N, C-alpha and C. Protein backbone atom coordinates (compact mmCIF):
# COMPACT_ATOMS: atom_id res chain seq x y z
N MET A 1 -4.76 2.69 14.99
CA MET A 1 -5.00 1.28 14.74
C MET A 1 -5.79 1.15 13.44
N GLN A 2 -5.25 0.38 12.52
CA GLN A 2 -5.95 0.12 11.28
C GLN A 2 -7.07 -0.88 11.54
N LYS A 3 -8.24 -0.61 10.99
CA LYS A 3 -9.41 -1.45 11.26
C LYS A 3 -9.19 -2.89 10.82
N LYS A 4 -8.57 -3.10 9.68
CA LYS A 4 -8.37 -4.47 9.18
C LYS A 4 -7.42 -5.25 10.08
N SER A 5 -6.41 -4.59 10.61
CA SER A 5 -5.47 -5.25 11.51
C SER A 5 -6.16 -5.68 12.80
N ALA A 6 -6.98 -4.80 13.35
CA ALA A 6 -7.72 -5.12 14.57
C ALA A 6 -8.67 -6.27 14.32
N LYS A 7 -9.37 -6.23 13.20
CA LYS A 7 -10.34 -7.27 12.85
C LYS A 7 -9.66 -8.64 12.76
N LYS A 8 -8.53 -8.70 12.09
CA LYS A 8 -7.81 -9.97 11.92
C LYS A 8 -7.27 -10.48 13.25
N ALA A 9 -6.73 -9.60 14.07
CA ALA A 9 -6.20 -10.01 15.37
C ALA A 9 -7.31 -10.54 16.26
N ILE A 10 -8.47 -9.92 16.23
CA ILE A 10 -9.62 -10.38 17.02
C ILE A 10 -10.05 -11.76 16.56
N LYS A 11 -10.13 -11.93 15.25
CA LYS A 11 -10.53 -13.23 14.71
C LYS A 11 -9.52 -14.31 15.09
N ASP A 12 -8.22 -14.02 14.98
CA ASP A 12 -7.18 -15.00 15.28
C ASP A 12 -7.06 -15.29 16.78
N THR A 13 -7.24 -14.29 17.61
CA THR A 13 -7.04 -14.44 19.05
C THR A 13 -8.29 -14.91 19.78
N LEU A 14 -9.43 -14.31 19.45
CA LEU A 14 -10.67 -14.61 20.17
C LEU A 14 -11.60 -15.54 19.40
N GLN A 15 -11.29 -15.80 18.15
CA GLN A 15 -12.16 -16.58 17.27
C GLN A 15 -13.56 -15.96 17.17
N VAL A 16 -13.58 -14.63 17.07
CA VAL A 16 -14.82 -13.87 16.94
C VAL A 16 -14.72 -13.04 15.67
N GLU A 17 -15.76 -13.09 14.87
CA GLU A 17 -15.78 -12.33 13.62
C GLU A 17 -16.51 -11.01 13.85
N LEU A 18 -15.78 -9.91 13.74
CA LEU A 18 -16.36 -8.58 13.85
C LEU A 18 -16.15 -7.83 12.55
N ARG A 19 -17.03 -6.89 12.28
CA ARG A 19 -16.78 -6.00 11.15
C ARG A 19 -15.67 -5.04 11.55
N ALA A 20 -15.08 -4.38 10.56
CA ALA A 20 -13.93 -3.50 10.81
C ALA A 20 -14.27 -2.39 11.80
N LYS A 21 -15.44 -1.81 11.66
CA LYS A 21 -15.84 -0.73 12.56
C LYS A 21 -16.00 -1.24 13.99
N GLU A 22 -16.59 -2.42 14.14
CA GLU A 22 -16.76 -3.01 15.48
C GLU A 22 -15.41 -3.36 16.10
N ALA A 23 -14.49 -3.84 15.28
CA ALA A 23 -13.16 -4.18 15.76
C ALA A 23 -12.44 -2.93 16.26
N GLN A 24 -12.57 -1.85 15.52
CA GLN A 24 -11.96 -0.59 15.92
C GLN A 24 -12.58 -0.10 17.23
N GLU A 25 -13.88 -0.25 17.35
CA GLU A 25 -14.57 0.17 18.57
C GLU A 25 -14.12 -0.67 19.76
N LEU A 26 -13.95 -1.97 19.57
CA LEU A 26 -13.47 -2.84 20.64
C LEU A 26 -12.07 -2.42 21.07
N TYR A 27 -11.21 -2.14 20.11
CA TYR A 27 -9.85 -1.67 20.42
C TYR A 27 -9.90 -0.41 21.28
N LEU A 28 -10.69 0.56 20.87
CA LEU A 28 -10.78 1.82 21.62
C LEU A 28 -11.37 1.60 23.01
N ASN A 29 -12.37 0.73 23.13
CA ASN A 29 -12.96 0.45 24.44
C ASN A 29 -11.97 -0.25 25.37
N ILE A 30 -11.17 -1.16 24.83
CA ILE A 30 -10.15 -1.82 25.64
C ILE A 30 -9.11 -0.80 26.09
N CYS A 31 -8.67 0.05 25.19
CA CYS A 31 -7.68 1.08 25.55
C CYS A 31 -8.24 2.01 26.62
N ASN A 32 -9.48 2.43 26.47
CA ASN A 32 -10.10 3.30 27.47
C ASN A 32 -10.18 2.61 28.83
N TYR A 33 -10.56 1.34 28.82
CA TYR A 33 -10.64 0.60 30.08
C TYR A 33 -9.26 0.52 30.74
N LEU A 34 -8.25 0.14 29.97
CA LEU A 34 -6.91 0.02 30.53
C LEU A 34 -6.37 1.36 31.01
N LEU A 35 -6.62 2.39 30.25
CA LEU A 35 -6.15 3.72 30.64
C LEU A 35 -6.74 4.15 31.98
N ASN A 36 -7.99 3.79 32.21
CA ASN A 36 -8.66 4.17 33.46
C ASN A 36 -8.43 3.20 34.61
N ASN A 37 -8.11 1.93 34.31
CA ASN A 37 -8.07 0.92 35.36
C ASN A 37 -6.77 0.14 35.50
N ASP A 38 -5.94 0.16 34.48
CA ASP A 38 -4.69 -0.61 34.54
C ASP A 38 -3.64 0.10 33.68
N ASP A 39 -3.23 1.26 34.14
CA ASP A 39 -2.32 2.07 33.34
C ASP A 39 -0.97 1.40 33.13
N LYS A 40 -0.55 0.53 34.03
CA LYS A 40 0.70 -0.19 33.86
C LYS A 40 0.63 -1.08 32.61
N CYS A 41 -0.46 -1.78 32.45
CA CYS A 41 -0.67 -2.64 31.27
C CYS A 41 -0.75 -1.78 30.01
N TYR A 42 -1.47 -0.67 30.08
CA TYR A 42 -1.62 0.22 28.94
C TYR A 42 -0.26 0.78 28.50
N ILE A 43 0.55 1.19 29.46
CA ILE A 43 1.88 1.71 29.15
C ILE A 43 2.73 0.64 28.49
N GLY A 44 2.60 -0.60 28.95
CA GLY A 44 3.33 -1.72 28.34
C GLY A 44 2.96 -1.91 26.88
N VAL A 45 1.69 -1.76 26.57
CA VAL A 45 1.23 -1.89 25.18
C VAL A 45 1.78 -0.75 24.32
N ILE A 46 1.76 0.45 24.85
CA ILE A 46 2.29 1.61 24.12
C ILE A 46 3.78 1.44 23.88
N ARG A 47 4.50 0.96 24.88
CA ARG A 47 5.94 0.71 24.74
C ARG A 47 6.20 -0.33 23.64
N TYR A 48 5.40 -1.39 23.64
CA TYR A 48 5.52 -2.45 22.64
C TYR A 48 5.31 -1.89 21.24
N LYS A 49 4.29 -1.05 21.07
CA LYS A 49 4.02 -0.45 19.76
C LYS A 49 5.19 0.46 19.35
N TYR A 50 5.70 1.21 20.27
CA TYR A 50 6.83 2.08 19.98
C TYR A 50 8.04 1.28 19.49
N LEU A 51 8.33 0.18 20.18
CA LEU A 51 9.47 -0.66 19.79
C LEU A 51 9.27 -1.26 18.40
N LEU A 52 8.06 -1.66 18.09
CA LEU A 52 7.77 -2.20 16.76
C LEU A 52 7.97 -1.13 15.68
N LEU A 53 7.51 0.06 15.96
CA LEU A 53 7.67 1.14 14.99
C LEU A 53 9.13 1.55 14.84
N CYS A 54 9.89 1.50 15.92
CA CYS A 54 11.32 1.81 15.85
C CYS A 54 12.07 0.78 15.01
N ASP A 55 11.58 -0.45 15.01
CA ASP A 55 12.20 -1.51 14.20
C ASP A 55 11.74 -1.47 12.75
N GLU A 56 11.01 -0.42 12.40
CA GLU A 56 10.53 -0.17 11.04
C GLU A 56 9.63 -1.29 10.52
N ILE A 57 8.85 -1.87 11.40
CA ILE A 57 7.84 -2.85 11.00
C ILE A 57 6.66 -2.05 10.46
N SER A 58 6.05 -2.56 9.40
CA SER A 58 4.96 -1.82 8.75
C SER A 58 3.83 -1.56 9.76
N THR A 59 3.08 -0.51 9.51
CA THR A 59 2.01 -0.10 10.41
C THR A 59 0.96 -1.20 10.55
N SER A 60 0.58 -1.83 9.45
CA SER A 60 -0.46 -2.85 9.54
C SER A 60 0.00 -4.05 10.36
N VAL A 61 1.25 -4.45 10.19
CA VAL A 61 1.79 -5.58 10.97
C VAL A 61 1.92 -5.18 12.44
N SER A 62 2.43 -4.00 12.71
CA SER A 62 2.58 -3.59 14.12
C SER A 62 1.21 -3.43 14.78
N ASP A 63 0.23 -2.91 14.04
CA ASP A 63 -1.12 -2.80 14.60
C ASP A 63 -1.70 -4.17 14.93
N TYR A 64 -1.49 -5.13 14.05
CA TYR A 64 -1.95 -6.50 14.31
C TYR A 64 -1.30 -7.05 15.58
N LEU A 65 0.02 -6.91 15.68
CA LEU A 65 0.75 -7.43 16.84
C LEU A 65 0.34 -6.74 18.13
N VAL A 66 0.10 -5.45 18.06
CA VAL A 66 -0.32 -4.69 19.24
C VAL A 66 -1.71 -5.15 19.68
N MET A 67 -2.63 -5.30 18.73
CA MET A 67 -3.97 -5.74 19.08
C MET A 67 -3.94 -7.15 19.64
N GLU A 68 -3.12 -8.01 19.07
CA GLU A 68 -2.97 -9.37 19.57
C GLU A 68 -2.47 -9.37 21.01
N GLN A 69 -1.45 -8.55 21.29
CA GLN A 69 -0.91 -8.47 22.64
C GLN A 69 -1.95 -7.89 23.60
N LEU A 70 -2.65 -6.89 23.15
CA LEU A 70 -3.69 -6.26 23.97
C LEU A 70 -4.76 -7.28 24.36
N LEU A 71 -5.19 -8.08 23.39
CA LEU A 71 -6.20 -9.10 23.67
C LEU A 71 -5.67 -10.18 24.61
N GLU A 72 -4.43 -10.58 24.41
CA GLU A 72 -3.83 -11.60 25.29
C GLU A 72 -3.72 -11.08 26.72
N LYS A 73 -3.30 -9.83 26.89
CA LYS A 73 -3.20 -9.25 28.24
C LYS A 73 -4.58 -9.15 28.88
N MET A 74 -5.58 -8.76 28.10
CA MET A 74 -6.94 -8.67 28.63
C MET A 74 -7.47 -10.05 29.01
N LYS A 75 -7.18 -11.06 28.20
CA LYS A 75 -7.61 -12.42 28.53
C LYS A 75 -6.96 -12.89 29.83
N GLU A 76 -5.73 -12.51 30.03
CA GLU A 76 -4.98 -12.92 31.21
C GLU A 76 -5.42 -12.17 32.47
N LYS A 77 -5.55 -10.84 32.37
CA LYS A 77 -5.76 -10.01 33.55
C LYS A 77 -7.21 -9.60 33.78
N HIS A 78 -7.98 -9.44 32.70
CA HIS A 78 -9.35 -8.92 32.82
C HIS A 78 -10.30 -9.69 31.89
N PRO A 79 -10.42 -11.01 32.07
CA PRO A 79 -11.21 -11.80 31.13
C PRO A 79 -12.70 -11.43 31.11
N LEU A 80 -13.28 -11.09 32.25
CA LEU A 80 -14.70 -10.74 32.26
C LEU A 80 -14.96 -9.42 31.54
N ILE A 81 -14.06 -8.47 31.72
CA ILE A 81 -14.20 -7.18 31.03
C ILE A 81 -14.07 -7.40 29.52
N LEU A 82 -13.09 -8.20 29.12
CA LEU A 82 -12.92 -8.49 27.69
C LEU A 82 -14.17 -9.15 27.12
N SER A 83 -14.73 -10.10 27.85
CA SER A 83 -15.96 -10.75 27.39
C SER A 83 -17.09 -9.75 27.24
N ALA A 84 -17.23 -8.88 28.23
CA ALA A 84 -18.30 -7.88 28.19
C ALA A 84 -18.11 -6.91 27.02
N LEU A 85 -16.89 -6.42 26.84
CA LEU A 85 -16.64 -5.49 25.75
C LEU A 85 -16.83 -6.15 24.38
N THR A 86 -16.44 -7.41 24.27
CA THR A 86 -16.62 -8.14 23.01
C THR A 86 -18.11 -8.36 22.74
N TYR A 87 -18.84 -8.72 23.77
CA TYR A 87 -20.28 -8.92 23.63
C TYR A 87 -20.97 -7.63 23.17
N ILE A 88 -20.58 -6.54 23.77
CA ILE A 88 -21.17 -5.24 23.40
C ILE A 88 -20.85 -4.93 21.93
N ALA A 89 -19.62 -5.15 21.52
CA ALA A 89 -19.24 -4.88 20.13
C ALA A 89 -20.01 -5.77 19.16
N LEU A 90 -20.24 -7.02 19.54
CA LEU A 90 -20.96 -7.96 18.68
C LEU A 90 -22.44 -7.63 18.56
N HIS A 91 -23.04 -7.21 19.64
CA HIS A 91 -24.49 -7.08 19.69
C HIS A 91 -25.01 -5.64 19.74
N LYS A 92 -24.14 -4.70 19.55
CA LYS A 92 -24.56 -3.30 19.55
C LYS A 92 -25.40 -3.03 18.31
N SER A 93 -26.50 -2.38 18.48
CA SER A 93 -27.41 -2.11 17.33
C SER A 93 -26.94 -0.94 16.51
């Protein structure tokens, strides 16, 4: 995941401004959570990324779309976890 793509998707989807490093950390934390707690959702995201890459969409665009989908799924299925992970990314020292 490119940091700039994650940052832009977070800003567009959650209306939260994170630095690139924080955005990358949020992405990794969401993936870790899904991998441990909702592997069906995680597999869906991986499948989506694979299809985008097979269609020869640029990496930055596919990363943006994947992060956007990941955030939307988290908002739908795990809103409290998403809020907590976002809060941690925003306020981590």
